[in-house]
């Protein structure tokens, strides 16, 4: 696999950023010496240097100044402040990749007009190399830039490229989706305990069932309805359980959850990027 050229800067090396660094270094896409991160706590930087051999500074501006590819891994609420801080240090023509949920590309381009912007929406399974990420390019981003972003996120899971207007829906589906699945696993575990299994066994089997079912779907490429039918036999246990789930509105409830989360993502993005109200008087 060809390595990325240049320096990869990471502003805000929290858990998600560490997962990306781990994926990049362990996959050989970059050498540790190519990575420079920034974090306000020096102890955190020293910890990451010990783990991955990367450079870490306490100054966001230094990471931005050195980066050919700059990953902005800060919380959405502090993104405007960070952009104001680093805008004079980002290289002209640098590729800037944001993982801040809800911050539109235009808001970043407005402060970094000479950069090529890619916005991404990863999810928490990225932390264990099983993430689902969508990326979208800004006005100046090229197909090559999107390919680089895809390679970066492919090191920690699966990545798709689409238009930015889809990212709120991605937030509602795969961004928020792990919370829905954790709730389902917890419910399966509770159900197992109710019918006599130990909590340890019920949770292990519930989690593995979800994992195995997803793996079967991905590797076979079959429609989920067909795989569902493979489990159900006439007058059997699975069809009896499915009847209860349909009666309880599970399908509709999950669809509504994704829709509501999508709208919420859109609202939060608008709130985060709205100009401050001028005070009267």
Protein backbone atom coordinates (compact mmCIF):
# COMPACT_ATOMS: atom_id res chain seq x y z
CA UNK A 1 0.00 0.00 0.00
CA UNK A 2 1.38 3.44 -0.97
CA UNK A 3 2.06 5.75 1.92
CA UNK A 4 0.61 9.24 2.12
CA UNK A 5 3.16 11.96 1.47
CA UNK A 6 3.76 15.00 3.63
CA UNK A 7 2.88 15.72 7.23
CA UNK A 8 -0.45 14.81 8.79
CA UNK A 9 -1.46 17.25 11.51
CA UNK A 10 -4.19 16.41 14.02
CA UNK A 11 -5.67 19.26 16.03
CA UNK A 12 -7.26 17.87 19.19
CA UNK A 13 -5.94 14.36 19.87
CA UNK A 14 -8.86 12.95 21.86
CA UNK A 15 -10.22 9.41 21.62
CA UNK A 16 -11.48 9.63 18.03
CA UNK A 17 -8.28 11.26 16.82
CA UNK A 18 -6.20 8.63 18.61
CA UNK A 19 -8.19 5.91 16.83
CA UNK A 20 -7.38 7.53 13.48
CA UNK A 21 -3.70 7.85 14.38
CA UNK A 22 -3.60 4.22 15.46
CA UNK A 23 -5.25 3.12 12.21
CA UNK A 24 -2.95 5.21 10.04
CA UNK A 25 0.25 4.11 11.77
CA UNK A 26 -0.64 0.43 12.17
CA UNK A 27 -1.82 0.15 8.54
CA UNK A 28 1.39 1.71 7.28
CA UNK A 29 -0.38 4.55 5.47
CA UNK A 30 1.91 6.98 7.28
CA UNK A 31 5.10 6.66 9.28
CA UNK A 32 4.93 7.90 12.89
CA UNK A 33 7.39 10.67 12.05
CA UNK A 34 4.86 12.10 9.56
CA UNK A 35 2.24 12.75 12.26
CA UNK A 36 2.08 15.76 14.54
CA UNK A 37 -0.83 16.22 16.92
CA UNK A 38 -1.82 18.98 19.30
CA UNK A 39 -3.30 18.80 22.77
CA UNK A 40 -3.30 21.38 25.59
CA UNK A 41 -2.07 18.84 28.15
CA UNK A 42 1.59 17.93 27.76
CA UNK A 43 1.05 14.61 29.59
CA UNK A 44 -1.44 13.55 26.93
CA UNK A 45 1.07 14.32 24.23
CA UNK A 46 3.78 12.32 25.96
CA UNK A 47 1.38 9.39 26.30
CA UNK A 48 0.63 9.38 22.55
CA UNK A 49 4.32 9.70 21.69
CA UNK A 50 5.07 6.62 23.79
CA UNK A 51 2.25 4.63 22.19
CA UNK A 52 2.69 5.55 18.53
CA UNK A 53 5.99 7.40 18.15
CA UNK A 54 4.29 10.53 16.79
CA UNK A 55 5.12 14.13 17.57
CA UNK A 56 2.71 16.09 19.76
CA UNK A 57 2.72 19.79 20.60
CA UNK A 58 0.63 21.87 22.99
CA UNK A 59 0.12 24.49 20.26
CA UNK A 60 -2.66 24.07 17.68
CA UNK A 61 -0.95 26.63 15.45
CA UNK A 62 2.24 24.57 15.25
CA UNK A 63 0.35 21.46 14.16
CA UNK A 64 -1.49 23.52 11.55
CA UNK A 65 1.69 25.20 10.33
CA UNK A 66 3.45 21.88 9.69
CA UNK A 67 0.54 19.97 8.16
CA UNK A 68 -0.02 19.15 4.51
CA UNK A 69 -3.09 17.19 5.60
CA UNK A 70 -4.79 18.68 8.65
CA UNK A 71 -7.43 16.75 10.60
CA UNK A 72 -9.64 18.94 12.80
CA UNK A 73 -10.75 16.62 15.60
CA UNK A 74 -12.23 19.14 18.01
CA UNK A 75 -15.72 19.44 19.47
CA UNK A 76 -18.22 21.38 17.32
CA UNK A 77 -18.70 23.95 20.05
CA UNK A 78 -15.03 25.00 19.99
CA UNK A 79 -14.48 24.69 16.23
CA UNK A 80 -15.07 28.43 15.47
CA UNK A 81 -12.50 29.40 18.12
CA UNK A 82 -9.95 26.89 16.81
CA UNK A 83 -10.45 28.05 13.22
CA UNK A 84 -9.89 31.67 14.25
CA UNK A 85 -6.74 30.58 16.07
CA UNK A 86 -5.13 28.60 13.24
CA UNK A 87 -6.41 30.37 10.13
CA UNK A 88 -3.15 32.30 9.66
CA UNK A 89 -1.05 29.15 9.95
CA UNK A 90 -2.80 26.68 7.64
CA UNK A 91 -0.76 26.16 4.46
CA UNK A 92 -2.24 27.45 1.23
CA UNK A 93 -3.62 24.42 -0.60
CA UNK A 94 -3.59 22.20 2.48
CA UNK A 95 -6.17 19.43 2.69
CA UNK A 96 -8.26 20.01 5.82
CA UNK A 97 -10.50 17.21 7.08
CA UNK A 98 -13.10 18.01 9.75
CA UNK A 99 -14.74 15.41 11.98
CA UNK A 100 -16.83 17.97 13.88
CA UNK A 101 -20.52 17.02 13.64
CA UNK A 102 -22.84 19.72 12.38
CA UNK A 103 -20.21 22.20 11.17
CA UNK A 104 -20.88 22.80 7.46
CA UNK A 105 -18.07 23.03 4.95
CA UNK A 106 -18.95 26.65 4.14
CA UNK A 107 -18.28 27.69 7.73
CA UNK A 108 -14.78 26.21 7.54
CA UNK A 109 -14.10 27.56 4.04
CA UNK A 110 -15.06 31.01 5.26
CA UNK A 111 -12.14 30.99 7.70
CA UNK A 112 -9.74 28.86 5.64
CA UNK A 113 -10.38 30.13 2.09
CA UNK A 114 -7.07 28.83 0.69
CA UNK A 115 -7.55 25.27 1.97
CA UNK A 116 -9.32 22.30 0.40
CA UNK A 117 -11.99 21.13 2.82
CA UNK A 118 -13.43 17.66 3.39
CA UNK A 119 -16.10 17.14 6.02
CA UNK A 120 -16.56 13.72 7.59
CA UNK A 121 -19.01 11.96 9.89
CA UNK A 122 -17.41 8.95 11.63
CA UNK A 123 -19.03 6.96 14.45
CA UNK A 124 -17.78 5.53 17.73
CA UNK A 125 -16.98 1.98 16.48
CA UNK A 126 -14.05 3.77 14.80
CA UNK A 127 -12.43 3.35 18.23
CA UNK A 128 -12.14 -0.41 17.59
CA UNK A 129 -11.42 -0.25 13.86
CA UNK A 130 -15.02 -0.95 12.84
CA UNK A 131 -16.23 2.55 12.05
CA UNK A 132 -18.77 3.70 9.48
CA UNK A 133 -17.78 7.06 8.02
CA UNK A 134 -19.13 9.33 5.31
CA UNK A 135 -17.03 12.07 3.69
CA UNK A 136 -18.01 15.03 1.52
CA UNK A 137 -15.85 17.53 -0.31
CA UNK A 138 -16.03 21.29 -0.37
CA UNK A 139 -15.82 23.69 -3.30
CA UNK A 140 -12.07 23.30 -3.77
CA UNK A 141 -11.71 19.62 -2.81
CA UNK A 142 -10.68 17.33 -5.63
CA UNK A 143 -11.43 13.69 -6.31
CA UNK A 144 -7.87 12.97 -5.14
CA UNK A 145 -8.60 14.74 -1.84
CA UNK A 146 -11.69 12.63 -1.29
CA UNK A 147 -9.67 9.51 -2.10
CA UNK A 148 -7.09 10.50 0.54
CA UNK A 149 -9.83 11.10 3.12
CA UNK A 150 -11.36 7.74 2.26
CA UNK A 151 -7.99 6.01 2.75
CA UNK A 152 -7.61 7.65 6.15
CA UNK A 153 -11.02 6.53 7.40
CA UNK A 154 -10.79 3.13 5.70
CA UNK A 155 -7.91 2.45 8.09
CA UNK A 156 -10.49 2.35 10.90
CA UNK A 157 -13.56 0.89 9.15
CA UNK A 158 -15.70 1.50 6.08
CA UNK A 159 -16.04 4.82 4.27
CA UNK A 160 -18.42 6.20 1.67
CA UNK A 161 -18.20 9.40 -0.38
CA UNK A 162 -21.33 11.48 -0.91
CA UNK A 163 -22.64 15.04 -1.14
CA UNK A 164 -22.64 17.19 1.98
CA UNK A 165 -26.41 17.55 2.14
CA UNK A 166 -26.59 13.87 3.09
CA UNK A 167 -24.41 14.24 6.20
CA UNK A 168 -27.26 15.09 8.57
CA UNK A 169 -28.94 11.84 7.52
CA UNK A 170 -25.65 10.01 8.08
CA UNK A 171 -25.53 11.53 11.56
CA UNK A 172 -29.04 10.27 12.26
CA UNK A 173 -28.31 6.78 10.91
CA UNK A 174 -24.72 5.63 11.46
CA UNK A 175 -23.53 8.51 13.66
CA UNK A 176 -26.27 7.98 16.25
CA UNK A 177 -26.92 4.36 15.27
CA UNK A 178 -24.53 2.76 17.79
CA UNK A 179 -26.72 4.13 20.59
CA UNK A 180 -29.74 2.37 19.07
CA UNK A 181 -27.82 -0.90 18.73
CA UNK A 182 -26.47 -0.71 22.28
CA UNK A 183 -30.05 -0.28 23.50
CA UNK A 184 -31.10 -3.34 21.47
CA UNK A 185 -28.22 -5.39 22.90
CA UNK A 186 -29.10 -4.26 26.41
CA UNK A 187 -32.73 -5.25 25.83
CA UNK A 188 -31.68 -8.67 24.49
CA UNK A 189 -29.49 -9.12 27.54
CA UNK A 190 -32.37 -8.20 29.86
CA UNK A 191 -34.58 -10.65 28.00
CA UNK A 192 -32.02 -13.41 28.41
CA UNK A 193 -31.89 -12.77 32.15
CA UNK A 194 -35.68 -12.80 32.30
CA UNK A 195 -35.83 -16.28 30.76
CA UNK A 196 -33.14 -17.66 33.05
CA UNK A 197 -29.69 -16.91 31.61
CA UNK A 198 -26.93 -15.26 33.59
CA UNK A 199 -26.25 -11.61 32.78
CA UNK A 200 -22.75 -12.51 31.56
CA UNK A 201 -23.97 -15.15 29.13
CA UNK A 202 -27.01 -13.16 27.98
CA UNK A 203 -24.95 -10.06 27.14
CA UNK A 204 -22.19 -12.03 25.43
CA UNK A 205 -24.69 -13.93 23.27
CA UNK A 206 -26.75 -10.83 22.50
CA UNK A 207 -23.70 -8.83 21.40
CA UNK A 208 -22.30 -11.70 19.33
CA UNK A 209 -25.68 -12.22 17.69
CA UNK A 210 -25.78 -8.59 16.56
CA UNK A 211 -22.15 -8.73 15.42
CA UNK A 212 -22.57 -12.03 13.58
CA UNK A 213 -25.78 -10.95 11.89
CA UNK A 214 -24.15 -7.75 10.60
CA UNK A 215 -21.12 -9.70 9.41
CA UNK A 216 -23.34 -12.19 7.59
CA UNK A 217 -25.21 -9.37 5.85
CA UNK A 218 -22.03 -7.55 4.81
CA UNK A 219 -20.17 -10.63 3.58
CA UNK A 220 -23.06 -12.21 1.69
CA UNK A 221 -24.50 -9.01 0.26
CA UNK A 222 -27.96 -10.51 0.68
CA UNK A 223 -31.04 -8.38 1.34
CA UNK A 224 -31.75 -8.34 5.09
CA UNK A 225 -35.30 -9.55 4.43
CA UNK A 226 -33.95 -12.66 2.73
CA UNK A 227 -31.59 -13.38 5.62
CA UNK A 228 -34.50 -12.88 8.03
CA UNK A 229 -36.52 -15.42 6.07
CA UNK A 230 -33.65 -17.91 6.34
CA UNK A 231 -34.06 -17.87 10.15
CA UNK A 232 -37.83 -18.22 10.18
CA UNK A 233 -39.51 -21.59 9.69
CA UNK A 234 -43.27 -22.27 9.50
CA UNK A 235 -44.81 -22.15 12.95
CA UNK A 236 -41.36 -21.73 14.51
CA UNK A 237 -39.85 -19.60 17.26
CA UNK A 238 -38.40 -16.80 15.13
CA UNK A 239 -41.66 -15.97 13.37
CA UNK A 240 -43.44 -15.89 16.71
CA UNK A 241 -40.88 -13.40 18.02
CA UNK A 242 -41.03 -11.32 14.84
CA UNK A 243 -44.80 -11.04 15.18
CA UNK A 244 -44.35 -9.47 18.62
CA UNK A 245 -41.71 -7.04 17.30
CA UNK A 246 -43.98 -5.95 14.46
CA UNK A 247 -46.90 -5.54 16.83
CA UNK A 248 -44.69 -3.40 19.08
CA UNK A 249 -43.74 -1.13 16.18
CA UNK A 250 -39.98 -1.81 16.27
CA UNK A 251 -39.53 -1.08 12.57
CA UNK A 252 -41.47 2.20 12.71
CA UNK A 253 -39.77 3.26 15.93
CA UNK A 254 -36.28 2.81 14.48
CA UNK A 255 -37.26 4.71 11.33
CA UNK A 256 -38.67 7.53 13.46
CA UNK A 257 -35.50 7.60 15.58
CA UNK A 258 -33.28 8.08 12.53
CA UNK A 259 -35.58 10.78 11.16
CA UNK A 260 -35.70 12.71 14.46
CA UNK A 261 -31.93 12.45 14.93
CA UNK A 262 -31.42 13.73 11.37
CA UNK A 263 -33.58 16.77 12.05
CA UNK A 264 -31.77 17.37 15.34
CA UNK A 265 -28.40 17.23 13.59
CA UNK A 266 -29.59 19.83 11.09
CA UNK A 267 -30.89 22.08 13.87
CA UNK A 268 -27.67 21.83 15.87
CA UNK A 269 -25.61 22.64 12.80
CA UNK A 270 -27.67 25.75 12.13
CA UNK A 271 -27.39 26.82 15.78
CA UNK A 272 -23.61 26.33 15.85
CA UNK A 273 -23.03 28.35 12.69
CA UNK A 274 -25.62 31.11 13.19
CA UNK A 275 -24.11 34.57 13.70
CA UNK A 276 -24.41 35.92 17.27
CA UNK A 277 -27.37 38.25 17.92
CA UNK A 278 -26.46 41.89 18.25
CA UNK A 279 -27.37 43.43 21.54
CA UNK A 280 -29.86 46.27 21.40
CA UNK A 281 -29.27 49.64 22.96
